[in-house]
Amino acid sequence: MMASSSTNTGRPKRDIEDDSDDIQINIREEMQIESIRKSNWVVRDDSVRDVPPYYPMEKSSRVVESQPSIIAARISDCCRAMSVQAHFDNEKATASLSTMDHVEI
């Protein structure tokens, strides 16, 4: 039995599961946009440069597939939740962080 049937328009009819996936993606995108609006760190997506290919990366480094503005908003939210003092530089897309015990991160 086929999972989807066609309608009078000749296009395949989408399953309910497909619609729920789209709804979840839309909700996630709206949450990301809202977190950017509330963020203390406003980074323009075009202000971040790519890492040069000859730059040595630490073994513990990770590649995050997201927009710089969304990553900055997440970092800002984490700093607020963990009571980390932060001085953000929106132009250079950098941050100076220190904990309540004056430990610089």
C-alpha atoms as a PDB file:
ATOM      1  CA  MET A   1       0.000   0.000   0.000  1.00  0.00           C
ATOM      2  CA  MET A   2       1.327   3.463  -0.865  1.00  0.00           C
ATOM      3  CA  ALA A   3       1.908   6.027   1.885  1.00  0.00           C
ATOM      4  CA  SER A   4       0.554   8.914  -0.142  1.00  0.00           C
ATOM      5  CA  SER A   5      -2.112   9.208  -2.800  1.00  0.00           C
ATOM      6  CA  SER A   6      -2.521  11.734  -5.579  1.00  0.00           C
ATOM      7  CA  THR A   7      -5.183  14.437  -5.699  1.00  0.00           C
ATOM      8  CA  ASN A   8      -7.087  15.826  -8.681  1.00  0.00           C
ATOM      9  CA  THR A   9      -4.183  18.180  -9.387  1.00  0.00           C
ATOM     10  CA  GLY A  10      -1.859  15.273 -10.107  1.00  0.00           C
ATOM     11  CA  ARG A  11       0.432  16.180  -7.185  1.00  0.00           C
ATOM     12  CA  PRO A  12       1.030  13.572  -4.491  1.00  0.00           C
ATOM     13  CA  LYS A  13      -0.879  14.160  -1.277  1.00  0.00           C
ATOM     14  CA  ARG A  14       1.391  14.754   1.719  1.00  0.00           C
ATOM     15  CA  ASP A  15       1.150  12.574   4.782  1.00  0.00           C
ATOM     16  CA  ILE A  16       0.288  13.963   8.195  1.00  0.00           C
ATOM     17  CA  GLU A  17       3.797  13.016   9.396  1.00  0.00           C
ATOM     18  CA  ASP A  18       5.335  15.247   6.708  1.00  0.00           C
ATOM     19  CA  ASP A  19       3.194  18.174   7.870  1.00  0.00           C
ATOM     20  CA  SER A  20       4.228  17.700  11.515  1.00  0.00           C
ATOM     21  CA  ASP A  21       7.912  17.787  10.504  1.00  0.00           C
ATOM     22  CA  ASP A  22       7.329  21.094   8.690  1.00  0.00           C
ATOM     23  CA  ILE A  23       5.525  22.509  11.714  1.00  0.00           C
ATOM     24  CA  GLN A  24       8.397  21.507  14.015  1.00  0.00           C
ATOM     25  CA  ILE A  25      10.918  23.166  11.687  1.00  0.00           C
ATOM     26  CA  ASN A  26       8.838  26.360  11.531  1.00  0.00           C
ATOM     27  CA  ILE A  27       8.520  26.470  15.327  1.00  0.00           C
ATOM     28  CA  ARG A  28      12.287  25.949  15.698  1.00  0.00           C
ATOM     29  CA  GLU A  29      13.001  28.775  13.225  1.00  0.00           C
ATOM     30  CA  GLU A  30      10.602  31.114  15.047  1.00  0.00           C
ATOM     31  CA  MET A  31      12.286  30.307  18.372  1.00  0.00           C
ATOM     32  CA  GLN A  32      15.697  31.065  16.885  1.00  0.00           C
ATOM     33  CA  ILE A  33      14.491  34.388  15.494  1.00  0.00           C
ATOM     34  CA  GLU A  34      12.957  35.296  18.870  1.00  0.00           C
ATOM     35  CA  SER A  35      16.196  34.411  20.706  1.00  0.00           C
ATOM     36  CA  ILE A  36      18.143  36.664  18.318  1.00  0.00           C
ATOM     37  CA  ARG A  37      15.763  39.549  19.045  1.00  0.00           C
ATOM     38  CA  LYS A  38      16.217  39.150  22.826  1.00  0.00           C
ATOM     39  CA  SER A  39      19.983  38.642  22.653  1.00  0.00           C
ATOM     40  CA  ASN A  40      22.491  41.031  24.202  1.00  0.00           C
ATOM     41  CA  TRP A  41      25.004  40.112  21.495  1.00  0.00           C
ATOM     42  CA  VAL A  42      23.977  41.238  18.020  1.00  0.00           C
ATOM     43  CA  VAL A  43      26.286  39.771  15.385  1.00  0.00           C
ATOM     44  CA  ARG A  44      25.747  40.396  11.689  1.00  0.00           C
ATOM     45  CA  ASP A  45      26.009  37.193   9.686  1.00  0.00           C
ATOM     46  CA  ASP A  46      28.413  38.796   7.192  1.00  0.00           C
ATOM     47  CA  SER A  47      30.803  40.085   9.885  1.00  0.00           C
ATOM     48  CA  VAL A  48      32.353  36.678  10.633  1.00  0.00           C
ATOM     49  CA  ARG A  49      35.223  35.522   8.462  1.00  0.00           C
ATOM     50  CA  ASP A  50      35.885  31.920   7.464  1.00  0.00           C
ATOM     51  CA  VAL A  51      38.773  30.110   9.132  1.00  0.00           C
ATOM     52  CA  PRO A  52      41.763  29.970   6.744  1.00  0.00           C
ATOM     53  CA  PRO A  53      42.574  26.468   5.468  1.00  0.00           C
ATOM     54  CA  TYR A  54      46.115  26.601   6.858  1.00  0.00           C
ATOM     55  CA  TYR A  55      44.954  27.538  10.386  1.00  0.00           C
ATOM     56  CA  PRO A  56      45.667  24.691  12.839  1.00  0.00           C
ATOM     57  CA  MET A  57      42.503  23.598  14.645  1.00  0.00           C
ATOM     58  CA  GLU A  58      42.440  22.047  18.109  1.00  0.00           C
ATOM     59  CA  LYS A  59      41.361  18.424  18.292  1.00  0.00           C
ATOM     60  CA  SER A  60      38.516  19.488  20.575  1.00  0.00           C
ATOM     61  CA  SER A  61      37.130  22.009  18.045  1.00  0.00           C
ATOM     62  CA  ARG A  62      33.660  21.554  16.581  1.00  0.00           C
ATOM     63  CA  VAL A  63      32.018  22.836  13.413  1.00  0.00           C
ATOM     64  CA  VAL A  64      28.574  24.324  13.995  1.00  0.00           C
ATOM     65  CA  GLU A  65      26.329  24.511  10.941  1.00  0.00           C
ATOM     66  CA  SER A  66      24.278  27.597  11.791  1.00  0.00           C
ATOM     67  CA  GLN A  67      24.202  31.334  11.214  1.00  0.00           C
ATOM     68  CA  PRO A  68      26.600  33.457  13.316  1.00  0.00           C
ATOM     69  CA  SER A  69      23.703  35.531  14.686  1.00  0.00           C
ATOM     70  CA  ILE A  70      21.983  32.401  16.012  1.00  0.00           C
ATOM     71  CA  ILE A  71      25.205  31.084  17.578  1.00  0.00           C
ATOM     72  CA  ALA A  72      25.843  34.463  19.247  1.00  0.00           C
ATOM     73  CA  ALA A  73      22.293  34.509  20.645  1.00  0.00           C
ATOM     74  CA  ARG A  74      22.774  30.994  22.071  1.00  0.00           C
ATOM     75  CA  ILE A  75      26.062  31.974  23.719  1.00  0.00           C
ATOM     76  CA  SER A  76      24.443  35.099  25.159  1.00  0.00           C
ATOM     77  CA  ASP A  77      21.553  33.037  26.580  1.00  0.00           C
ATOM     78  CA  CYS A  78      23.975  30.514  28.124  1.00  0.00           C
ATOM     79  CA  CYS A  79      26.018  33.296  29.732  1.00  0.00           C
ATOM     80  CA  ARG A  80      22.869  34.761  31.251  1.00  0.00           C
ATOM     81  CA  ALA A  81      21.711  31.344  32.542  1.00  0.00           C
ATOM     82  CA  MET A  82      25.136  30.540  34.037  1.00  0.00           C
ATOM     83  CA  SER A  83      25.640  34.044  35.540  1.00  0.00           C
ATOM     84  CA  VAL A  84      28.714  34.696  33.426  1.00  0.00           C
ATOM     85  CA  GLN A  85      29.655  38.343  32.966  1.00  0.00           C
ATOM     86  CA  ALA A  86      30.199  39.191  29.316  1.00  0.00           C
ATOM     87  CA  HIS A  87      31.483  42.134  27.306  1.00  0.00           C
ATOM     88  CA  PHE A  88      30.380  41.703  23.706  1.00  0.00           C
ATOM     89  CA  ASP A  89      32.005  43.350  20.693  1.00  0.00           C
ATOM     90  CA  ASN A  90      29.369  43.354  17.970  1.00  0.00           C
ATOM     91  CA  GLU A  91      31.751  44.716  15.321  1.00  0.00           C
ATOM     92  CA  LYS A  92      34.414  42.004  15.690  1.00  0.00           C
ATOM     93  CA  ALA A  93      31.971  39.266  16.818  1.00  0.00           C
ATOM     94  CA  THR A  94      34.038  38.556  19.941  1.00  0.00           C
ATOM     95  CA  ALA A  95      33.226  38.302  23.638  1.00  0.00           C
ATOM     96  CA  SER A  96      35.233  38.584  26.866  1.00  0.00           C
ATOM     97  CA  LEU A  97      33.721  36.341  29.536  1.00  0.00           C
ATOM     98  CA  SER A  98      34.395  35.969  33.255  1.00  0.00           C
ATOM     99  CA  THR A  99      32.676  33.980  35.972  1.00  0.00           C
ATOM    100  CA  MET A 100      31.578  35.211  39.406  1.00  0.00           C
ATOM    101  CA  ASP A 101      34.927  33.896  40.726  1.00  0.00           C
ATOM    102  CA  HIS A 102      36.732  36.180  38.226  1.00  0.00           C
ATOM    103  CA  VAL A 103      37.860  33.266  36.060  1.00  0.00           C
ATOM    104  CA  GLU A 104      38.207  34.371  32.447  1.00  0.00           C
ATOM    105  CA  ILE A 105      36.767  32.018  29.871  1.00  0.00           C
END
